[in-house]
Amino acid sequence: MAHLRFHIRFPHEKIKEPVIYQIGHEFNIVTNVRRADVRDTTGWMDLELTGEVEEIERAVDGLRQKGVIVDPIELNVVE
């Protein structure tokens, strides 16, 4: 089981879409919002994803396909 953290940035047109909810249901992962700042025009989030590494990679690809910008956070921990 892996716990990986990502910095997510939402462009204006994606702010109101429930993309975190969607990936939590589309993939076998657990989502945990660590920090966030979401406004009317833009937003960011530090998100922890827990699951098998392959499934987390699929979820990250899913986020990118939905138009969200995803960057890994340096101090990722894999158990």
PDB file of N, CA and C in Angstrom:
ATOM      1  N   MET A   1       0.851  -1.183   0.000  1.00  0.00           N
ATOM      2  CA  MET A   1       0.000   0.000   0.000  1.00  0.00           C
ATOM      3  C   MET A   1       0.891   1.239   0.000  1.00  0.00           C
ATOM      4  N   ALA A   2       0.593   2.183  -0.848  1.00  0.00           N
ATOM      5  CA  ALA A   2       1.387   3.409  -0.967  1.00  0.00           C
ATOM      6  C   ALA A   2       0.554   4.618  -0.549  1.00  0.00           C
ATOM      7  N   HIS A   3       1.240   5.624  -0.013  1.00  0.00           N
ATOM      8  CA  HIS A   3       0.646   6.922   0.317  1.00  0.00           C
ATOM      9  C   HIS A   3       1.454   7.964  -0.448  1.00  0.00           C
ATOM     10  N   LEU A   4       0.871   8.529  -1.478  1.00  0.00           N
ATOM     11  CA  LEU A   4       1.578   9.501  -2.308  1.00  0.00           C
ATOM     12  C   LEU A   4       0.838  10.829  -2.278  1.00  0.00           C
ATOM     13  N   ARG A   5       1.605  11.924  -2.244  1.00  0.00           N
ATOM     14  CA  ARG A   5       1.015  13.265  -2.179  1.00  0.00           C
ATOM     15  C   ARG A   5       1.261  14.021  -3.477  1.00  0.00           C
ATOM     16  N   PHE A   6       0.252  14.812  -3.834  1.00  0.00           N
ATOM     17  CA  PHE A   6       0.298  15.575  -5.075  1.00  0.00           C
ATOM     18  C   PHE A   6      -0.244  16.975  -4.842  1.00  0.00           C
ATOM     19  N   HIS A   7       0.314  17.925  -5.589  1.00  0.00           N
ATOM     20  CA  HIS A   7      -0.198  19.297  -5.603  1.00  0.00           C
ATOM     21  C   HIS A   7      -1.066  19.411  -6.851  1.00  0.00           C
ATOM     22  N   ILE A   8      -2.335  19.707  -6.653  1.00  0.00           N
ATOM     23  CA  ILE A   8      -3.316  19.754  -7.733  1.00  0.00           C
ATOM     24  C   ILE A   8      -3.698  21.216  -7.968  1.00  0.00           C
ATOM     25  N   ARG A   9      -3.732  21.633  -9.236  1.00  0.00           N
ATOM     26  CA  ARG A   9      -4.187  22.986  -9.578  1.00  0.00           C
ATOM     27  C   ARG A   9      -5.373  22.881 -10.529  1.00  0.00           C
ATOM     28  N   PHE A  10      -6.407  23.631 -10.204  1.00  0.00           N
ATOM     29  CA  PHE A  10      -7.640  23.605 -10.980  1.00  0.00           C
ATOM     30  C   PHE A  10      -7.763  24.866 -11.824  1.00  0.00           C
ATOM     31  N   PRO A  11      -7.850  24.727 -13.152  1.00  0.00           N
ATOM     32  CA  PRO A  11      -8.135  25.900 -13.973  1.00  0.00           C
ATOM     33  C   PRO A  11      -9.582  26.360 -13.738  1.00  0.00           C
ATOM     34  N   HIS A  12      -9.860  27.574 -14.123  1.00  0.00           N
ATOM     35  CA  HIS A  12     -11.164  28.196 -13.882  1.00  0.00           C
ATOM     36  C   HIS A  12     -12.338  27.292 -14.279  1.00  0.00           C
ATOM     37  N   GLU A  13     -12.256  26.679 -15.433  1.00  0.00           N
ATOM     38  CA  GLU A  13     -13.395  25.896 -15.932  1.00  0.00           C
ATOM     39  C   GLU A  13     -13.608  24.579 -15.175  1.00  0.00           C
ATOM     40  N   LYS A  14     -12.674  24.196 -14.312  1.00  0.00           N
ATOM     41  CA  LYS A  14     -12.792  22.938 -13.561  1.00  0.00           C
ATOM     42  C   LYS A  14     -13.144  23.135 -12.088  1.00  0.00           C
ATOM     43  N   ILE A  15     -13.232  24.386 -11.634  1.00  0.00           N
ATOM     44  CA  ILE A  15     -13.436  24.673 -10.211  1.00  0.00           C
ATOM     45  C   ILE A  15     -14.688  24.001  -9.658  1.00  0.00           C
ATOM     46  N   LYS A  16     -15.775  24.018 -10.382  1.00  0.00           N
ATOM     47  CA  LYS A  16     -17.044  23.511  -9.865  1.00  0.00           C
ATOM     48  C   LYS A  16     -17.269  22.025 -10.137  1.00  0.00           C
ATOM     49  N   GLU A  17     -16.341  21.368 -10.814  1.00  0.00           N
ATOM     50  CA  GLU A  17     -16.492  19.942 -11.106  1.00  0.00           C
ATOM     51  C   GLU A  17     -15.961  19.099  -9.947  1.00  0.00           C
ATOM     52  N   PRO A  18     -16.655  18.029  -9.576  1.00  0.00           N
ATOM     53  CA  PRO A  18     -16.236  17.194  -8.440  1.00  0.00           C
ATOM     54  C   PRO A  18     -15.179  16.156  -8.831  1.00  0.00           C
ATOM     55  N   VAL A  19     -14.040  16.604  -9.346  1.00  0.00           N
ATOM     56  CA  VAL A  19     -13.051  15.666  -9.882  1.00  0.00           C
ATOM     57  C   VAL A  19     -12.434  14.770  -8.806  1.00  0.00           C
ATOM     58  N   ILE A  20     -12.258  15.258  -7.582  1.00  0.00           N
ATOM     59  CA  ILE A  20     -11.684  14.425  -6.524  1.00  0.00           C
ATOM     60  C   ILE A  20     -12.671  13.323  -6.152  1.00  0.00           C
ATOM     61  N   TYR A  21     -13.922  13.669  -6.031  1.00  0.00           N
ATOM     62  CA  TYR A  21     -14.969  12.675  -5.780  1.00  0.00           C
ATOM     63  C   TYR A  21     -14.975  11.628  -6.897  1.00  0.00           C
ATOM     64  N   GLN A  22     -14.891  12.083  -8.139  1.00  0.00           N
ATOM     65  CA  GLN A  22     -14.942  11.177  -9.283  1.00  0.00           C
ATOM     66  C   GLN A  22     -13.796  10.171  -9.270  1.00  0.00           C
ATOM     67  N   ILE A  23     -12.560  10.629  -9.036  1.00  0.00           N
ATOM     68  CA  ILE A  23     -11.452   9.663  -9.068  1.00  0.00           C
ATOM     69  C   ILE A  23     -11.515   8.703  -7.887  1.00  0.00           C
ATOM     70  N   GLY A  24     -12.079   9.156  -6.769  1.00  0.00           N
ATOM     71  CA  GLY A  24     -12.250   8.264  -5.625  1.00  0.00           C
ATOM     72  C   GLY A  24     -13.210   7.126  -5.918  1.00  0.00           C
ATOM     73  N   HIS A  25     -14.136   7.348  -6.847  1.00  0.00           N
ATOM     74  CA  HIS A  25     -15.092   6.311  -7.221  1.00  0.00           C
ATOM     75  C   HIS A  25     -14.667   5.533  -8.465  1.00  0.00           C
ATOM     76  N   GLU A  26     -13.889   6.149  -9.328  1.00  0.00           N
ATOM     77  CA  GLU A  26     -13.463   5.481 -10.558  1.00  0.00           C
ATOM     78  C   GLU A  26     -12.286   4.536 -10.338  1.00  0.00           C
ATOM     79  N   PHE A  27     -11.489   4.796  -9.298  1.00  0.00           N
ATOM     80  CA  PHE A  27     -10.279   4.015  -9.060  1.00  0.00           C
ATOM     81  C   PHE A  27     -10.288   3.484  -7.634  1.00  0.00           C
ATOM     82  N   ASN A  28      -9.545   2.429  -7.401  1.00  0.00           N
ATOM     83  CA  ASN A  28      -9.492   1.799  -6.080  1.00  0.00           C
ATOM     84  C   ASN A  28      -8.446   2.512  -5.219  1.00  0.00           C
ATOM     85  N   ILE A  29      -8.763   3.752  -4.846  1.00  0.00           N
ATOM     86  CA  ILE A  29      -7.865   4.577  -4.037  1.00  0.00           C
ATOM     87  C   ILE A  29      -8.673   5.294  -2.961  1.00  0.00           C
ATOM     88  N   VAL A  30      -7.962   5.791  -1.961  1.00  0.00           N
ATOM     89  CA  VAL A  30      -8.560   6.650  -0.942  1.00  0.00           C
ATOM     90  C   VAL A  30      -7.971   8.042  -1.130  1.00  0.00           C
ATOM     91  N   THR A  31      -8.830   9.051  -1.174  1.00  0.00           N
ATOM     92  CA  THR A  31      -8.374  10.433  -1.322  1.00  0.00           C
ATOM     93  C   THR A  31      -8.428  11.138   0.030  1.00  0.00           C
ATOM     94  N   ASN A  32      -7.419  11.958   0.302  1.00  0.00           N
ATOM     95  CA  ASN A  32      -7.352  12.709   1.549  1.00  0.00           C
ATOM     96  C   ASN A  32      -6.824  14.110   1.231  1.00  0.00           C
ATOM     97  N   VAL A  33      -7.675  15.108   1.383  1.00  0.00           N
ATOM     98  CA  VAL A  33      -7.273  16.493   1.135  1.00  0.00           C
ATOM     99  C   VAL A  33      -6.482  16.977   2.340  1.00  0.00           C
ATOM    100  N   ARG A  34      -5.222  17.317   2.127  1.00  0.00           N
ATOM    101  CA  ARG A  34      -4.344  17.768   3.214  1.00  0.00           C
ATOM    102  C   ARG A  34      -4.403  19.281   3.415  1.00  0.00           C
ATOM    103  N   ARG A  35      -4.455  20.029   2.322  1.00  0.00           N
ATOM    104  CA  ARG A  35      -4.585  21.491   2.351  1.00  0.00           C
ATOM    105  C   ARG A  35      -5.248  21.907   1.049  1.00  0.00           C
ATOM    106  N   ALA A  36      -5.935  23.045   1.094  1.00  0.00           N
ATOM    107  CA  ALA A  36      -6.569  23.517  -0.138  1.00  0.00           C
ATOM    108  C   ALA A  36      -6.898  24.997  -0.035  1.00  0.00           C
ATOM    109  N   ASP A  37      -6.961  25.620  -1.193  1.00  0.00           N
ATOM    110  CA  ASP A  37      -7.433  26.995  -1.319  1.00  0.00           C
ATOM    111  C   ASP A  37      -8.178  27.060  -2.645  1.00  0.00           C
ATOM    112  N   VAL A  38      -9.493  27.096  -2.569  1.00  0.00           N
ATOM    113  CA  VAL A  38     -10.319  27.097  -3.771  1.00  0.00           C
ATOM    114  C   VAL A  38     -11.155  28.370  -3.769  1.00  0.00           C
ATOM    115  N   ARG A  39     -11.075  29.096  -4.858  1.00  0.00           N
ATOM    116  CA  ARG A  39     -11.814  30.357  -5.005  1.00  0.00           C
ATOM    117  C   ARG A  39     -12.715  30.263  -6.229  1.00  0.00           C
ATOM    118  N   ASP A  40     -13.386  31.338  -6.556  1.00  0.00           N
ATOM    119  CA  ASP A  40     -14.305  31.329  -7.695  1.00  0.00           C
ATOM    120  C   ASP A  40     -13.604  31.121  -9.030  1.00  0.00           C
ATOM    121  N   THR A  41     -12.366  31.583  -9.146  1.00  0.00           N
ATOM    122  CA  THR A  41     -11.703  31.549 -10.454  1.00  0.00           C
ATOM    123  C   THR A  41     -10.555  30.559 -10.551  1.00  0.00           C
ATOM    124  N   THR A  42     -10.031  30.101  -9.444  1.00  0.00           N
ATOM    125  CA  THR A  42      -8.904  29.172  -9.472  1.00  0.00           C
ATOM    126  C   THR A  42      -8.823  28.444  -8.140  1.00  0.00           C
ATOM    127  N   GLY A  43      -8.004  27.423  -8.098  1.00  0.00           N
ATOM    128  CA  GLY A  43      -7.842  26.715  -6.838  1.00  0.00           C
ATOM    129  C   GLY A  43      -6.681  25.751  -6.889  1.00  0.00           C
ATOM    130  N   TRP A  44      -6.211  25.378  -5.695  1.00  0.00           N
ATOM    131  CA  TRP A  44      -5.155  24.374  -5.583  1.00  0.00           C
ATOM    132  C   TRP A  44      -5.468  23.480  -4.390  1.00  0.00           C
ATOM    133  N   MET A  45      -4.825  22.335  -4.368  1.00  0.00           N
ATOM    134  CA  MET A  45      -5.065  21.367  -3.315  1.00  0.00           C
ATOM    135  C   MET A  45      -3.843  20.477  -3.161  1.00  0.00           C
ATOM    136  N   ASP A  46      -3.467  20.182  -1.921  1.00  0.00           N
ATOM    137  CA  ASP A  46      -2.485  19.142  -1.654  1.00  0.00           C
ATOM    138  C   ASP A  46      -3.276  17.899  -1.299  1.00  0.00           C
ATOM    139  N   LEU A  47      -3.124  16.873  -2.100  1.00  0.00           N
ATOM    140  CA  LEU A  47      -3.956  15.684  -2.025  1.00  0.00           C
ATOM    141  C   LEU A  47      -3.095  14.462  -1.779  1.00  0.00           C
ATOM    142  N   GLU A  48      -3.487  13.640  -0.818  1.00  0.00           N
ATOM    143  CA  GLU A  48      -2.816  12.366  -0.567  1.00  0.00           C
ATOM    144  C   GLU A  48      -3.678  11.258  -1.156  1.00  0.00           C
ATOM    145  N   LEU A  49      -3.057  10.397  -1.935  1.00  0.00           N
ATOM    146  CA  LEU A  49      -3.739   9.243  -2.510  1.00  0.00           C
ATOM    147  C   LEU A  49      -3.145   7.985  -1.899  1.00  0.00           C
ATOM    148  N   THR A  50      -4.005   7.089  -1.440  1.00  0.00           N
ATOM    149  CA  THR A  50      -3.572   5.840  -0.827  1.00  0.00           C
ATOM    150  C   THR A  50      -4.130   4.682  -1.640  1.00  0.00           C
ATOM    151  N   GLY A  51      -3.262   3.714  -1.937  1.00  0.00           N
ATOM    152  CA  GLY A  51      -3.663   2.538  -2.698  1.00  0.00           C
ATOM    153  C   GLY A  51      -2.434   1.889  -3.307  1.00  0.00           C
ATOM    154  N   GLU A  52      -2.662   0.959  -4.202  1.00  0.00           N
ATOM    155  CA  GLU A  52      -1.555   0.339  -4.919  1.00  0.00           C
ATOM    156  C   GLU A  52      -0.961   1.367  -5.887  1.00  0.00           C
ATOM    157  N   VAL A  53       0.345   1.322  -6.059  1.00  0.00           N
ATOM    158  CA  VAL A  53       1.039   2.326  -6.880  1.00  0.00           C
ATOM    159  C   VAL A  53       0.442   2.404  -8.285  1.00  0.00           C
ATOM    160  N   GLU A  54       0.155   1.265  -8.890  1.00  0.00           N
ATOM    161  CA  GLU A  54      -0.394   1.256 -10.248  1.00  0.00           C
ATOM    162  C   GLU A  54      -1.751   1.951 -10.297  1.00  0.00           C
ATOM    163  N   GLU A  55      -2.562   1.746  -9.264  1.00  0.00           N
ATOM    164  CA  GLU A  55      -3.890   2.363  -9.230  1.00  0.00           C
ATOM    165  C   GLU A  55      -3.776   3.878  -9.004  1.00  0.00           C
ATOM    166  N   ILE A  56      -2.830   4.288  -8.177  1.00  0.00           N
ATOM    167  CA  ILE A  56      -2.592   5.721  -7.970  1.00  0.00           C
ATOM    168  C   ILE A  56      -2.148   6.370  -9.278  1.00  0.00           C
ATOM    169  N   GLU A  57      -1.268   5.711 -10.015  1.00  0.00           N
ATOM    170  CA  GLU A  57      -0.816   6.239 -11.306  1.00  0.00           C
ATOM    171  C   GLU A  57      -1.989   6.387 -12.272  1.00  0.00           C
ATOM    172  N   ARG A  58      -2.892   5.410 -12.277  1.00  0.00           N
ATOM    173  CA  ARG A  58      -4.083   5.491 -13.129  1.00  0.00           C
ATOM    174  C   ARG A  58      -4.966   6.665 -12.712  1.00  0.00           C
ATOM    175  N   ALA A  59      -5.111   6.871 -11.397  1.00  0.00           N
ATOM    176  CA  ALA A  59      -5.928   7.980 -10.895  1.00  0.00           C
ATOM    177  C   ALA A  59      -5.324   9.329 -11.282  1.00  0.00           C
ATOM    178  N   VAL A  60      -3.999   9.446 -11.190  1.00  0.00           N
ATOM    179  CA  VAL A  60      -3.325  10.692 -11.585  1.00  0.00           C
ATOM    180  C   VAL A  60      -3.536  10.947 -13.077  1.00  0.00           C
ATOM    181  N   ASP A  61      -3.410   9.906 -13.888  1.00  0.00           N
ATOM    182  CA  ASP A  61      -3.688  10.057 -15.321  1.00  0.00           C
ATOM    183  C   ASP A  61      -5.134  10.498 -15.541  1.00  0.00           C
ATOM    184  N   GLY A  62      -6.051   9.938 -14.750  1.00  0.00           N
ATOM    185  CA  GLY A  62      -7.458  10.326 -14.839  1.00  0.00           C
ATOM    186  C   GLY A  62      -7.672  11.794 -14.511  1.00  0.00           C
ATOM    187  N   LEU A  63      -6.984  12.280 -13.489  1.00  0.00           N
ATOM    188  CA  LEU A  63      -7.075  13.705 -13.145  1.00  0.00           C
ATOM    189  C   LEU A  63      -6.584  14.571 -14.294  1.00  0.00           C
ATOM    190  N   ARG A  64      -5.462  14.181 -14.868  1.00  0.00           N
ATOM    191  CA  ARG A  64      -4.901  14.959 -15.984  1.00  0.00           C
ATOM    192  C   ARG A  64      -5.837  14.948 -17.188  1.00  0.00           C
ATOM    193  N   GLN A  65      -6.472  13.810 -17.445  1.00  0.00           N
ATOM    194  CA  GLN A  65      -7.424  13.732 -18.556  1.00  0.00           C
ATOM    195  C   GLN A  65      -8.632  14.629 -18.318  1.00  0.00           C
ATOM    196  N   LYS A  66      -8.948  14.881 -17.054  1.00  0.00           N
ATOM    197  CA  LYS A  66     -10.065  15.765 -16.711  1.00  0.00           C
ATOM    198  C   LYS A  66      -9.657  17.239 -16.765  1.00  0.00           C
ATOM    199  N   GLY A  67      -8.395  17.530 -17.102  1.00  0.00           N
ATOM    200  CA  GLY A  67      -7.938  18.900 -17.266  1.00  0.00           C
ATOM    201  C   GLY A  67      -7.337  19.534 -16.028  1.00  0.00           C
ATOM    202  N   VAL A  68      -7.016  18.716 -15.025  1.00  0.00           N
ATOM    203  CA  VAL A  68      -6.428  19.211 -13.784  1.00  0.00           C
ATOM    204  C   VAL A  68      -4.909  19.085 -13.881  1.00  0.00           C
ATOM    205  N   ILE A  69      -4.180  20.055 -13.347  1.00  0.00           N
ATOM    206  CA  ILE A  69      -2.713  20.023 -13.351  1.00  0.00           C
ATOM    207  C   ILE A  69      -2.251  19.302 -12.092  1.00  0.00           C
ATOM    208  N   VAL A  70      -1.428  18.264 -12.260  1.00  0.00           N
ATOM    209  CA  VAL A  70      -0.998  17.423 -11.138  1.00  0.00           C
ATOM    210  C   VAL A  70       0.525  17.391 -11.081  1.00  0.00           C
ATOM    211  N   ASP A  71       1.077  17.747  -9.915  1.00  0.00           N
ATOM    212  CA  ASP A  71       2.520  17.679  -9.684  1.00  0.00           C
ATOM    213  C   ASP A  71       2.773  16.881  -8.410  1.00  0.00           C
ATOM    214  N   PRO A  72       3.747  15.972  -8.430  1.00  0.00           N
ATOM    215  CA  PRO A  72       4.074  15.245  -7.198  1.00  0.00           C
ATOM    216  C   PRO A  72       4.688  16.180  -6.161  1.00  0.00           C
ATOM    217  N   ILE A  73       4.439  15.889  -4.898  1.00  0.00           N
ATOM    218  CA  ILE A  73       5.076  16.616  -3.798  1.00  0.00           C
ATOM    219  C   ILE A  73       6.313  15.829  -3.409  1.00  0.00           C
ATOM    220  N   GLU A  74       7.418  16.508  -3.199  1.00  0.00           N
ATOM    221  CA  GLU A  74       8.734  15.892  -2.994  1.00  0.00           C
ATOM    222  C   GLU A  74       8.788  14.781  -1.958  1.00  0.00           C
ATOM    223  N   LEU A  75       8.207  14.964  -0.800  1.00  0.00           N
ATOM    224  CA  LEU A  75       8.393  14.006   0.287  1.00  0.00           C
ATOM    225  C   LEU A  75       7.359  12.891   0.270  1.00  0.00           C
ATOM    226  N   ASN A  76       7.132  12.293  -0.892  1.00  0.00           N
ATOM    227  CA  ASN A  76       6.214  11.165  -0.974  1.00  0.00           C
ATOM    228  C   ASN A  76       6.746  10.000  -0.162  1.00  0.00           C
ATOM    229  N   VAL A  77       5.832   9.273   0.464  1.00  0.00           N
ATOM    230  CA  VAL A  77       6.203   8.114   1.268  1.00  0.00           C
ATOM    231  C   VAL A  77       5.529   6.895   0.676  1.00  0.00           C
ATOM    232  N   VAL A  78       6.312   5.871   0.396  1.00  0.00           N
ATOM    233  CA  VAL A  78       5.777   4.611  -0.105  1.00  0.00           C
ATOM    234  C   VAL A  78       6.022   3.560   0.958  1.00  0.00           C
ATOM    235  N   GLU A  79       4.961   2.868   1.377  1.00  0.00           N
ATOM    236  CA  GLU A  79       5.100   1.810   2.389  1.00  0.00           C
ATOM    237  C   GLU A  79       4.893   0.453   1.754  1.00  0.00           C
TER     238      GLU A  79
END
